[in-house]
N, C-alpha and C. Protein backbone atom coordinates (compact mmCIF):
# COMPACT_ATOMS: atom_id res chain seq x y z
N MET A 1 23.62 139.43 74.71
CA MET A 1 23.71 138.02 74.34
C MET A 1 25.08 137.44 74.68
N ILE A 2 26.15 138.18 74.36
CA ILE A 2 27.49 137.67 74.64
C ILE A 2 27.69 137.50 76.14
N ALA A 3 27.21 138.46 76.92
CA ALA A 3 27.34 138.35 78.37
C ALA A 3 26.62 137.11 78.88
N LEU A 4 25.43 136.82 78.31
CA LEU A 4 24.68 135.65 78.74
C LEU A 4 25.42 134.36 78.39
N LEU A 5 26.02 134.32 77.22
CA LEU A 5 26.76 133.13 76.81
C LEU A 5 27.95 132.89 77.72
N MET A 6 28.66 133.97 78.05
CA MET A 6 29.83 133.81 78.91
C MET A 6 29.42 133.41 80.32
N THR A 7 28.30 133.95 80.82
CA THR A 7 27.82 133.57 82.14
C THR A 7 27.38 132.12 82.15
N ALA A 8 26.72 131.71 81.07
CA ALA A 8 26.25 130.32 80.99
C ALA A 8 27.41 129.34 81.01
N MET A 9 28.56 129.77 80.52
CA MET A 9 29.73 128.91 80.52
C MET A 9 30.13 128.52 81.93
N LEU A 10 29.79 129.36 82.91
CA LEU A 10 30.17 129.11 84.29
C LEU A 10 29.21 128.18 85.00
N MET A 11 28.09 127.88 84.38
CA MET A 11 27.02 127.18 85.09
C MET A 11 26.82 125.78 84.52
N THR A 12 26.90 124.77 85.39
CA THR A 12 26.58 123.40 85.01
C THR A 12 25.65 122.83 86.07
N SER A 13 24.96 121.77 85.73
CA SER A 13 23.97 121.22 86.65
C SER A 13 24.58 120.68 87.92
N ASP A 14 25.84 120.23 87.85
CA ASP A 14 26.45 119.63 89.03
C ASP A 14 27.47 120.55 89.69
N ALA A 15 27.52 121.82 89.27
CA ALA A 15 28.49 122.74 89.85
C ALA A 15 28.10 123.12 91.27
N GLU A 16 29.10 123.29 92.13
CA GLU A 16 28.84 123.72 93.49
C GLU A 16 28.51 125.21 93.51
N PRO A 17 27.72 125.65 94.50
CA PRO A 17 27.48 127.09 94.63
C PRO A 17 28.80 127.83 94.82
N ALA A 18 28.86 129.05 94.30
CA ALA A 18 30.11 129.82 94.39
C ALA A 18 30.55 129.99 95.83
N ALA A 19 29.59 130.13 96.76
CA ALA A 19 29.95 130.33 98.16
C ALA A 19 30.81 129.19 98.68
N GLY A 20 30.45 127.96 98.30
CA GLY A 20 31.23 126.80 98.74
C GLY A 20 32.61 126.77 98.11
N LEU A 21 32.68 127.14 96.84
CA LEU A 21 33.96 127.13 96.14
C LEU A 21 34.86 128.26 96.60
N CYS A 22 34.29 129.25 97.26
CA CYS A 22 35.06 130.40 97.73
C CYS A 22 35.48 130.27 99.19
N ALA A 23 35.34 129.07 99.74
CA ALA A 23 35.78 128.87 101.12
C ALA A 23 37.26 129.20 101.25
N GLU A 24 38.02 128.92 100.20
CA GLU A 24 39.41 129.34 100.12
C GLU A 24 39.42 130.65 99.35
N PRO A 25 39.70 131.78 100.02
CA PRO A 25 39.55 133.10 99.37
C PRO A 25 40.32 133.26 98.08
N THR A 26 41.51 132.63 97.98
CA THR A 26 42.30 132.81 96.75
C THR A 26 41.65 132.15 95.54
N ASN A 27 40.64 131.31 95.76
CA ASN A 27 40.01 130.62 94.63
C ASN A 27 38.94 131.46 93.94
N CYS A 28 38.63 132.62 94.49
CA CYS A 28 37.57 133.44 93.89
C CYS A 28 38.05 134.86 93.65
N ARG A 29 37.39 135.52 92.71
CA ARG A 29 37.66 136.92 92.44
C ARG A 29 36.38 137.58 91.98
N GLU A 30 36.34 138.90 92.09
CA GLU A 30 35.22 139.67 91.59
C GLU A 30 35.45 139.97 90.11
N VAL A 31 34.55 139.52 89.28
CA VAL A 31 34.65 139.77 87.84
C VAL A 31 33.62 140.83 87.47
N GLY A 32 34.08 141.94 86.95
CA GLY A 32 33.18 143.01 86.54
C GLY A 32 32.94 142.97 85.05
N ARG A 33 33.51 143.92 84.33
CA ARG A 33 33.33 143.99 82.88
C ARG A 33 34.50 143.32 82.17
N VAL A 34 34.17 142.41 81.27
CA VAL A 34 35.18 141.75 80.44
C VAL A 34 35.08 142.35 79.04
N THR A 35 36.18 142.92 78.57
CA THR A 35 36.19 143.62 77.28
C THR A 35 37.06 142.85 76.28
N PHE A 36 36.56 142.73 75.07
CA PHE A 36 37.33 142.07 74.02
C PHE A 36 36.91 142.61 72.66
N ARG A 37 37.73 142.35 71.65
CA ARG A 37 37.47 142.81 70.29
C ARG A 37 37.10 141.62 69.41
N ALA A 38 36.06 141.78 68.60
CA ALA A 38 35.64 140.72 67.68
C ALA A 38 34.90 141.35 66.51
N ASN A 39 35.17 140.84 65.32
CA ASN A 39 34.50 141.31 64.11
C ASN A 39 34.64 142.82 63.92
N GLY A 40 35.81 143.32 64.28
CA GLY A 40 36.08 144.73 64.07
C GLY A 40 35.44 145.67 65.07
N MET A 41 34.83 145.10 66.12
CA MET A 41 34.16 145.92 67.12
C MET A 41 34.64 145.54 68.52
N THR A 42 34.42 146.44 69.48
CA THR A 42 34.75 146.18 70.88
C THR A 42 33.47 145.84 71.63
N PHE A 43 33.53 144.73 72.38
CA PHE A 43 32.37 144.27 73.13
C PHE A 43 32.67 144.30 74.62
N ASN A 44 31.64 144.55 75.40
CA ASN A 44 31.74 144.52 76.86
C ASN A 44 30.74 143.49 77.39
N ALA A 45 31.24 142.55 78.18
CA ALA A 45 30.38 141.57 78.84
C ALA A 45 30.41 141.88 80.33
N ASP A 46 29.29 142.30 80.89
CA ASP A 46 29.21 142.66 82.30
C ASP A 46 28.86 141.41 83.12
N ILE A 47 29.86 140.80 83.72
CA ILE A 47 29.64 139.61 84.54
C ILE A 47 29.14 140.02 85.92
N ASN A 48 29.85 140.95 86.55
CA ASN A 48 29.44 141.54 87.83
C ASN A 48 29.06 140.47 88.85
N ASP A 49 30.00 139.58 89.14
CA ASP A 49 29.72 138.50 90.08
C ASP A 49 31.01 137.99 90.68
N THR A 50 30.89 137.27 91.79
CA THR A 50 32.03 136.58 92.37
C THR A 50 32.15 135.23 91.67
N VAL A 51 33.27 134.98 91.04
CA VAL A 51 33.44 133.79 90.21
C VAL A 51 34.64 132.99 90.71
N PRO A 52 34.48 131.69 90.96
CA PRO A 52 35.62 130.86 91.36
C PRO A 52 36.55 130.58 90.18
N PHE A 53 37.83 130.52 90.45
CA PHE A 53 38.76 130.08 89.41
C PHE A 53 38.59 128.60 89.15
N VAL A 54 38.63 127.79 90.22
CA VAL A 54 38.58 126.34 90.09
C VAL A 54 37.21 125.84 90.55
N SER A 55 36.55 125.08 89.68
CA SER A 55 35.27 124.46 89.99
C SER A 55 35.37 123.00 89.53
N PRO A 56 34.32 122.21 89.71
CA PRO A 56 34.38 120.83 89.21
C PRO A 56 34.64 120.73 87.71
N ASP A 57 34.35 121.81 86.98
CA ASP A 57 34.59 121.79 85.53
C ASP A 57 36.02 122.10 85.14
N GLY A 58 36.81 122.65 86.07
CA GLY A 58 38.19 123.00 85.77
C GLY A 58 38.50 124.42 86.19
N LEU A 59 39.55 124.97 85.60
CA LEU A 59 40.02 126.33 85.89
C LEU A 59 39.52 127.26 84.79
N ILE A 60 38.76 128.29 85.16
CA ILE A 60 38.26 129.21 84.16
C ILE A 60 39.02 130.52 84.23
N LEU A 61 39.45 130.97 83.05
CA LEU A 61 40.12 132.26 82.90
C LEU A 61 39.33 133.12 81.94
N PHE A 62 39.04 134.35 82.33
CA PHE A 62 38.49 135.32 81.39
C PHE A 62 39.65 136.01 80.69
N VAL A 63 39.40 136.48 79.48
CA VAL A 63 40.45 137.19 78.76
C VAL A 63 40.91 138.38 79.59
N GLY A 64 42.23 138.53 79.69
CA GLY A 64 42.80 139.61 80.50
C GLY A 64 43.28 139.16 81.86
N GLU A 65 43.08 137.86 82.19
CA GLU A 65 43.45 137.37 83.52
C GLU A 65 44.70 136.49 83.47
N SER A 66 45.42 136.47 84.58
CA SER A 66 46.58 135.60 84.79
C SER A 66 46.46 134.98 86.17
N VAL A 67 46.83 133.71 86.29
CA VAL A 67 46.69 133.02 87.58
C VAL A 67 47.87 132.07 87.78
N VAL A 68 48.30 131.93 89.03
CA VAL A 68 49.35 130.98 89.40
C VAL A 68 48.68 129.87 90.19
N VAL A 69 48.91 128.62 89.77
CA VAL A 69 48.28 127.48 90.45
C VAL A 69 49.32 126.42 90.81
N GLU A 70 49.01 125.71 91.88
CA GLU A 70 49.78 124.52 92.26
C GLU A 70 49.01 123.30 91.76
N VAL A 71 49.72 122.37 91.15
CA VAL A 71 49.09 121.16 90.61
C VAL A 71 49.44 119.98 91.52
N GLY A 72 48.41 119.35 92.07
CA GLY A 72 48.62 118.20 92.95
C GLY A 72 48.97 116.94 92.16
N GLU A 73 49.29 115.89 92.90
CA GLU A 73 49.70 114.64 92.27
C GLU A 73 48.61 114.05 91.39
N ASN A 74 47.34 114.30 91.74
CA ASN A 74 46.23 113.76 90.97
C ASN A 74 45.58 114.82 90.06
N GLY A 75 46.30 115.92 89.83
CA GLY A 75 45.81 116.94 88.92
C GLY A 75 44.93 117.99 89.55
N GLU A 76 44.74 117.91 90.88
CA GLU A 76 43.92 118.93 91.53
C GLU A 76 44.66 120.27 91.51
N LEU A 77 43.91 121.35 91.40
CA LEU A 77 44.48 122.68 91.26
C LEU A 77 44.18 123.53 92.49
N GLU A 78 45.17 124.28 92.93
CA GLU A 78 44.99 125.22 94.02
C GLU A 78 45.56 126.57 93.61
N VAL A 79 44.73 127.58 93.65
CA VAL A 79 45.14 128.91 93.21
C VAL A 79 46.02 129.56 94.28
N GLU A 80 47.14 130.11 93.83
CA GLU A 80 48.06 130.80 94.75
C GLU A 80 47.91 132.32 94.64
N SER A 81 47.80 132.83 93.41
CA SER A 81 47.67 134.27 93.20
C SER A 81 47.12 134.52 91.81
N HIS A 82 46.69 135.77 91.58
CA HIS A 82 46.20 136.13 90.26
C HIS A 82 46.41 137.62 90.04
N GLY A 83 46.30 138.04 88.77
CA GLY A 83 46.49 139.44 88.42
C GLY A 83 46.20 139.65 86.95
N PRO A 84 46.45 140.85 86.44
CA PRO A 84 46.20 141.13 85.02
C PRO A 84 47.19 140.40 84.11
N ALA A 85 46.67 139.84 83.03
CA ALA A 85 47.54 139.17 82.07
C ALA A 85 48.52 140.14 81.42
N SER A 86 48.13 141.40 81.31
CA SER A 86 49.01 142.38 80.67
C SER A 86 50.30 142.62 81.46
N ASP A 87 50.28 142.28 82.75
CA ASP A 87 51.51 142.40 83.54
C ASP A 87 52.50 141.28 83.21
N ILE A 88 52.00 140.20 82.64
CA ILE A 88 52.81 139.02 82.36
C ILE A 88 53.16 138.92 80.87
N ILE A 89 52.15 139.07 80.03
CA ILE A 89 52.36 138.88 78.58
C ILE A 89 52.84 140.19 77.98
N THR A 90 54.12 140.41 78.03
CA THR A 90 54.76 141.58 77.43
C THR A 90 55.37 141.17 76.09
N PRO A 91 55.70 142.10 75.23
CA PRO A 91 56.36 141.74 73.97
C PRO A 91 57.64 140.94 74.20
N GLU A 92 58.39 141.31 75.25
CA GLU A 92 59.64 140.58 75.54
C GLU A 92 59.34 139.14 75.95
N LYS A 93 58.27 138.96 76.73
CA LYS A 93 57.90 137.62 77.19
C LYS A 93 57.45 136.76 76.02
N LEU A 94 56.68 137.34 75.10
CA LEU A 94 56.24 136.59 73.94
C LEU A 94 57.41 136.14 73.09
N THR A 95 58.39 137.02 72.92
CA THR A 95 59.59 136.67 72.15
C THR A 95 60.35 135.53 72.82
N LEU A 96 60.50 135.62 74.15
CA LEU A 96 61.22 134.58 74.88
C LEU A 96 60.47 133.26 74.81
N ALA A 97 59.14 133.30 74.90
CA ALA A 97 58.35 132.07 74.82
C ALA A 97 58.54 131.39 73.47
N ALA A 98 58.53 132.18 72.39
CA ALA A 98 58.74 131.62 71.06
C ALA A 98 60.13 131.02 70.93
N GLU A 99 61.13 131.69 71.51
CA GLU A 99 62.50 131.17 71.49
C GLU A 99 62.59 129.85 72.25
N GLU A 100 61.95 129.79 73.39
CA GLU A 100 62.00 128.56 74.19
C GLU A 100 61.33 127.40 73.47
N MET A 101 60.20 127.66 72.82
CA MET A 101 59.52 126.59 72.10
C MET A 101 60.37 126.09 70.94
N ARG A 102 61.02 127.03 70.23
CA ARG A 102 61.90 126.61 69.13
C ARG A 102 63.08 125.80 69.65
N ALA A 103 63.62 126.21 70.78
CA ALA A 103 64.75 125.48 71.37
C ALA A 103 64.32 124.07 71.76
N ALA A 104 63.14 123.94 72.35
CA ALA A 104 62.65 122.63 72.77
C ALA A 104 62.40 121.73 71.56
N LEU A 105 61.77 122.28 70.52
CA LEU A 105 61.50 121.50 69.31
C LEU A 105 62.79 121.07 68.63
N ALA A 106 63.77 121.97 68.58
CA ALA A 106 65.06 121.62 67.96
C ALA A 106 65.75 120.52 68.76
N ALA A 107 65.68 120.60 70.10
CA ALA A 107 66.32 119.58 70.94
C ALA A 107 65.66 118.21 70.75
N MET A 108 64.40 118.21 70.35
CA MET A 108 63.68 116.96 70.14
C MET A 108 63.79 116.48 68.70
N GLY A 109 64.63 117.14 67.92
CA GLY A 109 64.85 116.71 66.55
C GLY A 109 63.97 117.36 65.53
N GLY A 110 63.23 118.39 65.93
CA GLY A 110 62.35 119.07 65.00
C GLY A 110 63.13 119.89 63.97
N ASP A 111 62.55 120.04 62.80
CA ASP A 111 63.19 120.79 61.72
C ASP A 111 62.87 122.27 61.87
N VAL A 112 63.47 122.89 62.88
CA VAL A 112 63.27 124.31 63.14
C VAL A 112 64.60 124.95 63.44
N THR A 113 64.65 126.24 63.27
CA THR A 113 65.86 126.97 63.65
C THR A 113 65.97 126.97 65.16
N PRO A 114 67.10 126.50 65.72
CA PRO A 114 67.21 126.43 67.18
C PRO A 114 67.00 127.80 67.82
N GLY A 115 66.19 127.82 68.85
CA GLY A 115 66.00 129.04 69.62
C GLY A 115 67.02 129.10 70.74
N THR A 116 66.93 130.12 71.53
CA THR A 116 67.83 130.26 72.67
C THR A 116 67.01 130.30 73.95
N VAL A 117 67.62 129.83 75.03
CA VAL A 117 66.98 129.86 76.32
C VAL A 117 67.81 130.74 77.24
N ASP A 118 67.22 131.80 77.72
CA ASP A 118 67.90 132.72 78.62
C ASP A 118 68.01 132.08 79.99
N PRO A 119 69.22 131.82 80.48
CA PRO A 119 69.36 131.16 81.78
C PRO A 119 69.03 132.06 82.95
N VAL A 120 68.84 133.34 82.70
CA VAL A 120 68.53 134.27 83.78
C VAL A 120 67.06 134.12 84.16
N ALA A 121 66.80 133.98 85.45
CA ALA A 121 65.41 133.83 85.91
C ALA A 121 64.60 135.05 85.50
N ASP A 122 63.39 134.82 85.01
CA ASP A 122 62.55 135.92 84.55
C ASP A 122 61.31 136.08 85.42
N GLY A 123 61.33 135.52 86.62
CA GLY A 123 60.22 135.71 87.54
C GLY A 123 59.15 134.65 87.45
N ARG A 124 59.31 133.65 86.61
CA ARG A 124 58.27 132.63 86.54
C ARG A 124 58.28 131.79 87.83
N PRO A 125 57.11 131.41 88.32
CA PRO A 125 57.04 130.71 89.61
C PRO A 125 57.67 129.32 89.53
N GLU A 126 58.40 128.95 90.57
CA GLU A 126 58.97 127.60 90.65
C GLU A 126 57.94 126.64 91.23
N ASN A 127 57.90 125.43 90.66
CA ASN A 127 56.96 124.39 91.10
C ASN A 127 55.52 124.88 91.11
N ARG A 128 55.17 125.66 90.10
CA ARG A 128 53.83 126.16 89.89
C ARG A 128 53.59 126.30 88.39
N LEU A 129 52.34 126.44 88.01
CA LEU A 129 52.00 126.84 86.64
C LEU A 129 51.45 128.25 86.69
N ARG A 130 51.86 129.08 85.74
CA ARG A 130 51.23 130.39 85.58
C ARG A 130 50.57 130.40 84.20
N LEU A 131 49.28 130.72 84.17
CA LEU A 131 48.50 130.72 82.94
C LEU A 131 47.92 132.11 82.73
N SER A 132 48.14 132.67 81.54
CA SER A 132 47.73 134.04 81.24
C SER A 132 47.03 134.07 79.90
N LEU A 133 45.82 134.65 79.87
CA LEU A 133 45.02 134.72 78.65
C LEU A 133 44.81 136.19 78.27
N MET A 134 45.14 136.55 77.04
CA MET A 134 45.06 137.95 76.64
C MET A 134 44.89 138.09 75.14
N GLN A 135 44.13 139.10 74.73
CA GLN A 135 44.13 139.49 73.32
C GLN A 135 45.34 140.37 73.08
N LEU A 136 45.98 140.18 71.93
CA LEU A 136 47.12 141.02 71.59
C LEU A 136 46.64 142.46 71.39
N PRO A 137 47.40 143.43 71.87
CA PRO A 137 46.97 144.84 71.81
C PRO A 137 46.58 145.28 70.40
N GLY A 138 45.39 145.85 70.28
CA GLY A 138 44.92 146.37 69.01
C GLY A 138 44.52 145.32 67.99
N MET A 139 44.46 144.03 68.42
CA MET A 139 44.15 142.94 67.50
C MET A 139 43.04 142.08 68.08
N GLU A 140 42.55 141.15 67.26
CA GLU A 140 41.54 140.21 67.74
C GLU A 140 42.17 138.87 68.14
N GLU A 141 43.42 138.67 67.80
CA GLU A 141 44.10 137.42 68.13
C GLU A 141 44.23 137.25 69.64
N THR A 142 44.10 136.01 70.10
CA THR A 142 44.18 135.70 71.52
C THR A 142 45.31 134.72 71.76
N VAL A 143 46.03 134.93 72.86
CA VAL A 143 47.12 134.02 73.22
C VAL A 143 46.92 133.52 74.66
N LEU A 144 47.32 132.29 74.88
CA LEU A 144 47.40 131.70 76.21
C LEU A 144 48.86 131.34 76.45
N LEU A 145 49.46 131.99 77.43
CA LEU A 145 50.85 131.72 77.78
C LEU A 145 50.86 130.87 79.05
N VAL A 146 51.46 129.69 78.95
CA VAL A 146 51.56 128.79 80.11
C VAL A 146 53.02 128.63 80.47
N GLU A 147 53.36 129.02 81.68
CA GLU A 147 54.73 128.89 82.18
C GLU A 147 54.77 127.72 83.16
N ASN A 148 55.54 126.71 82.78
CA ASN A 148 55.63 125.50 83.60
C ASN A 148 56.87 125.58 84.48
N GLY A 149 56.67 125.82 85.77
CA GLY A 149 57.79 125.89 86.69
C GLY A 149 58.12 124.56 87.33
N TYR A 150 57.44 123.51 86.88
CA TYR A 150 57.70 122.16 87.41
C TYR A 150 58.75 121.44 86.58
N GLY A 151 59.32 120.42 87.17
CA GLY A 151 60.27 119.57 86.46
C GLY A 151 59.60 118.39 85.81
N ARG A 152 58.28 118.47 85.59
CA ARG A 152 57.55 117.39 84.94
C ARG A 152 56.67 117.94 83.83
N ARG A 153 56.34 117.06 82.89
CA ARG A 153 55.53 117.45 81.75
C ARG A 153 54.06 117.21 82.06
N PHE A 154 53.22 118.14 81.57
CA PHE A 154 51.78 118.04 81.79
C PHE A 154 51.03 118.03 80.46
N ASP A 155 49.90 117.35 80.49
CA ASP A 155 48.91 117.48 79.43
C ASP A 155 47.63 118.00 80.10
N TYR A 156 46.75 118.60 79.30
CA TYR A 156 45.51 119.12 79.85
C TYR A 156 44.50 119.30 78.73
N ARG A 157 43.29 119.66 79.10
CA ARG A 157 42.19 119.83 78.14
C ARG A 157 41.72 121.28 78.21
N ALA A 158 41.31 121.83 77.07
CA ALA A 158 40.85 123.23 77.03
C ALA A 158 39.55 123.35 76.25
N VAL A 159 38.62 124.15 76.80
CA VAL A 159 37.36 124.47 76.14
C VAL A 159 37.24 125.99 76.14
N MET A 160 36.97 126.59 74.99
CA MET A 160 36.94 128.05 74.89
C MET A 160 35.54 128.55 74.58
N GLN A 161 35.25 129.77 75.07
CA GLN A 161 34.01 130.46 74.72
C GLN A 161 34.34 131.52 73.68
N VAL A 162 33.95 131.27 72.45
CA VAL A 162 34.18 132.21 71.36
C VAL A 162 32.97 133.14 71.25
N PRO A 163 33.16 134.44 71.25
CA PRO A 163 32.03 135.36 71.14
C PRO A 163 31.16 135.04 69.92
N GLY A 164 29.87 134.94 70.16
CA GLY A 164 28.93 134.63 69.09
C GLY A 164 28.59 133.16 68.98
N ALA A 165 29.41 132.27 69.58
CA ALA A 165 29.13 130.84 69.55
C ALA A 165 28.12 130.49 70.64
N GLU A 166 27.20 129.59 70.33
CA GLU A 166 26.16 129.24 71.29
C GLU A 166 26.68 128.32 72.38
N GLN A 167 27.71 127.55 72.10
CA GLN A 167 28.24 126.60 73.07
C GLN A 167 29.76 126.74 73.15
N PRO A 168 30.35 126.43 74.31
CA PRO A 168 31.81 126.40 74.39
C PRO A 168 32.37 125.37 73.41
N GLU A 169 33.57 125.61 72.90
CA GLU A 169 34.17 124.75 71.89
C GLU A 169 35.49 124.17 72.39
N TYR A 170 35.69 122.89 72.11
CA TYR A 170 36.97 122.25 72.42
C TYR A 170 38.05 122.84 71.53
N THR A 171 39.25 123.01 72.08
CA THR A 171 40.39 123.48 71.27
C THR A 171 41.62 122.66 71.61
N THR A 172 42.45 122.43 70.63
CA THR A 172 43.66 121.65 70.87
C THR A 172 44.69 122.49 71.64
N THR A 173 45.51 121.80 72.42
CA THR A 173 46.61 122.43 73.15
C THR A 173 47.80 121.48 73.11
N CYS A 174 48.97 122.04 73.38
CA CYS A 174 50.20 121.24 73.40
C CYS A 174 50.62 120.92 74.82
N GLU A 175 51.31 119.81 74.96
CA GLU A 175 51.82 119.43 76.28
C GLU A 175 52.76 120.51 76.82
N LEU A 176 52.80 120.61 78.13
CA LEU A 176 53.64 121.61 78.80
C LEU A 176 55.00 121.03 79.10
N ILE A 177 56.03 121.62 78.52
CA ILE A 177 57.40 121.13 78.66
C ILE A 177 57.94 121.54 80.03
N PRO A 178 58.64 120.64 80.72
CA PRO A 178 59.18 120.99 82.05
C PRO A 178 60.06 122.23 82.01
N GLU A 179 59.76 123.19 82.88
CA GLU A 179 60.54 124.41 83.08
C GLU A 179 60.64 125.28 81.83
N PHE A 180 59.66 125.17 80.94
CA PHE A 180 59.60 125.97 79.73
C PHE A 180 58.27 126.70 79.67
N MET A 181 58.17 127.64 78.74
CA MET A 181 56.90 128.29 78.44
C MET A 181 56.33 127.68 77.16
N VAL A 182 55.01 127.58 77.12
CA VAL A 182 54.30 127.13 75.91
C VAL A 182 53.29 128.21 75.56
N LEU A 183 53.28 128.60 74.30
CA LEU A 183 52.41 129.68 73.84
C LEU A 183 51.36 129.10 72.89
N GLU A 184 50.09 129.26 73.26
CA GLU A 184 48.98 128.87 72.38
C GLU A 184 48.42 130.14 71.74
N HIS A 185 47.98 130.01 70.49
CA HIS A 185 47.54 131.19 69.73
C HIS A 185 46.30 130.86 68.91
N TRP A 186 45.34 131.78 68.93
CA TRP A 186 44.15 131.66 68.10
C TRP A 186 43.97 132.96 67.33
N PRO A 187 43.54 132.91 66.08
CA PRO A 187 43.41 134.14 65.28
C PRO A 187 42.13 134.92 65.53
N HIS A 188 41.40 134.56 66.58
CA HIS A 188 40.11 135.19 66.85
C HIS A 188 39.97 135.48 68.34
N ALA A 189 38.88 136.14 68.68
CA ALA A 189 38.63 136.48 70.08
C ALA A 189 38.19 135.25 70.87
N ILE A 190 38.59 135.23 72.14
CA ILE A 190 38.11 134.23 73.09
C ILE A 190 37.71 135.00 74.35
N GLY A 191 36.47 134.84 74.76
CA GLY A 191 36.00 135.55 75.94
C GLY A 191 36.48 134.91 77.23
N ALA A 192 36.51 133.58 77.24
CA ALA A 192 36.94 132.85 78.43
C ALA A 192 37.37 131.46 78.00
N ILE A 193 38.16 130.81 78.83
CA ILE A 193 38.63 129.47 78.53
C ILE A 193 38.63 128.65 79.82
N THR A 194 38.22 127.39 79.72
CA THR A 194 38.21 126.48 80.86
C THR A 194 39.26 125.39 80.62
N LEU A 195 40.16 125.24 81.58
CA LEU A 195 41.27 124.29 81.47
C LEU A 195 41.08 123.20 82.53
N SER A 196 41.19 121.95 82.11
CA SER A 196 40.90 120.85 83.03
C SER A 196 41.75 119.62 82.72
N ASP A 197 41.58 118.59 83.54
CA ASP A 197 42.23 117.29 83.33
C ASP A 197 43.76 117.41 83.26
N PHE A 198 44.34 118.21 84.16
CA PHE A 198 45.79 118.31 84.21
C PHE A 198 46.37 116.98 84.70
N ARG A 199 47.36 116.47 84.01
CA ARG A 199 47.96 115.20 84.39
C ARG A 199 49.41 115.15 83.92
N SER A 200 50.23 114.50 84.72
CA SER A 200 51.63 114.32 84.33
C SER A 200 51.71 113.26 83.24
N VAL A 201 52.58 113.49 82.26
CA VAL A 201 52.79 112.54 81.18
C VAL A 201 54.29 112.31 81.04
N PRO A 202 54.68 111.15 80.50
CA PRO A 202 56.11 110.86 80.35
C PRO A 202 56.80 111.85 79.43
N VAL A 203 58.04 112.18 79.75
CA VAL A 203 58.85 113.03 78.90
C VAL A 203 59.33 112.21 77.70
N SER A 204 59.20 112.76 76.51
CA SER A 204 59.63 112.06 75.29
C SER A 204 60.32 113.05 74.37
N ARG A 205 60.72 112.59 73.20
CA ARG A 205 61.40 113.44 72.24
C ARG A 205 60.41 114.04 71.24
N SER A 206 59.19 114.19 71.66
CA SER A 206 58.19 114.83 70.81
C SER A 206 57.21 115.59 71.70
N ILE A 207 56.50 116.54 71.13
CA ILE A 207 55.50 117.30 71.83
C ILE A 207 54.15 116.96 71.21
N VAL A 208 53.26 116.45 72.03
CA VAL A 208 51.94 116.06 71.55
C VAL A 208 51.00 117.25 71.69
N CYS A 209 50.29 117.57 70.60
CA CYS A 209 49.29 118.63 70.62
C CYS A 209 47.96 118.00 70.19
N ASP A 210 47.00 117.99 71.10
CA ASP A 210 45.71 117.39 70.76
C ASP A 210 44.59 118.05 71.55
């Protein structure tokens, strides 16, 4: 059932055939077994198909995946590379992301303890977004780490597939701060997430999460 729900998330009445969406090879990947933990158990969803990252519905990430994309002036996405999220979301990276978010909030007047920003480059792509979705090791909690290598702020929309839910669910996200990391967190499993409607928004002294 879970595998069927996750597969259904990829299918819409107006979606293009995968073959057409895979004309650009970097836009597709072979998805085999997607494994996640929920309700104290480990589940396997066998997708076993060629799946595009970017479709008319947006960018889809399965748990465990990381992707680097270029964002066009009108929000169009072009995949540059992809790999395992575990290569990106390390304990050190999570700590740095939390520090950066605290630093940004403090700079905007938020009532938080100021964080620190390490000026040393940590490998995040310049003028690209890197998005990584992963369950924390040994836990059911899921995190989405978004690294904004652009000098502009973005807003976007997210819909998640929660194991056991019959339909994908909308979830709130925060705007992406220029040249910072933003960490989204859910206390439950997410099998896949679709991200869409990327758009530049004015820089202000607040961070909008909606």
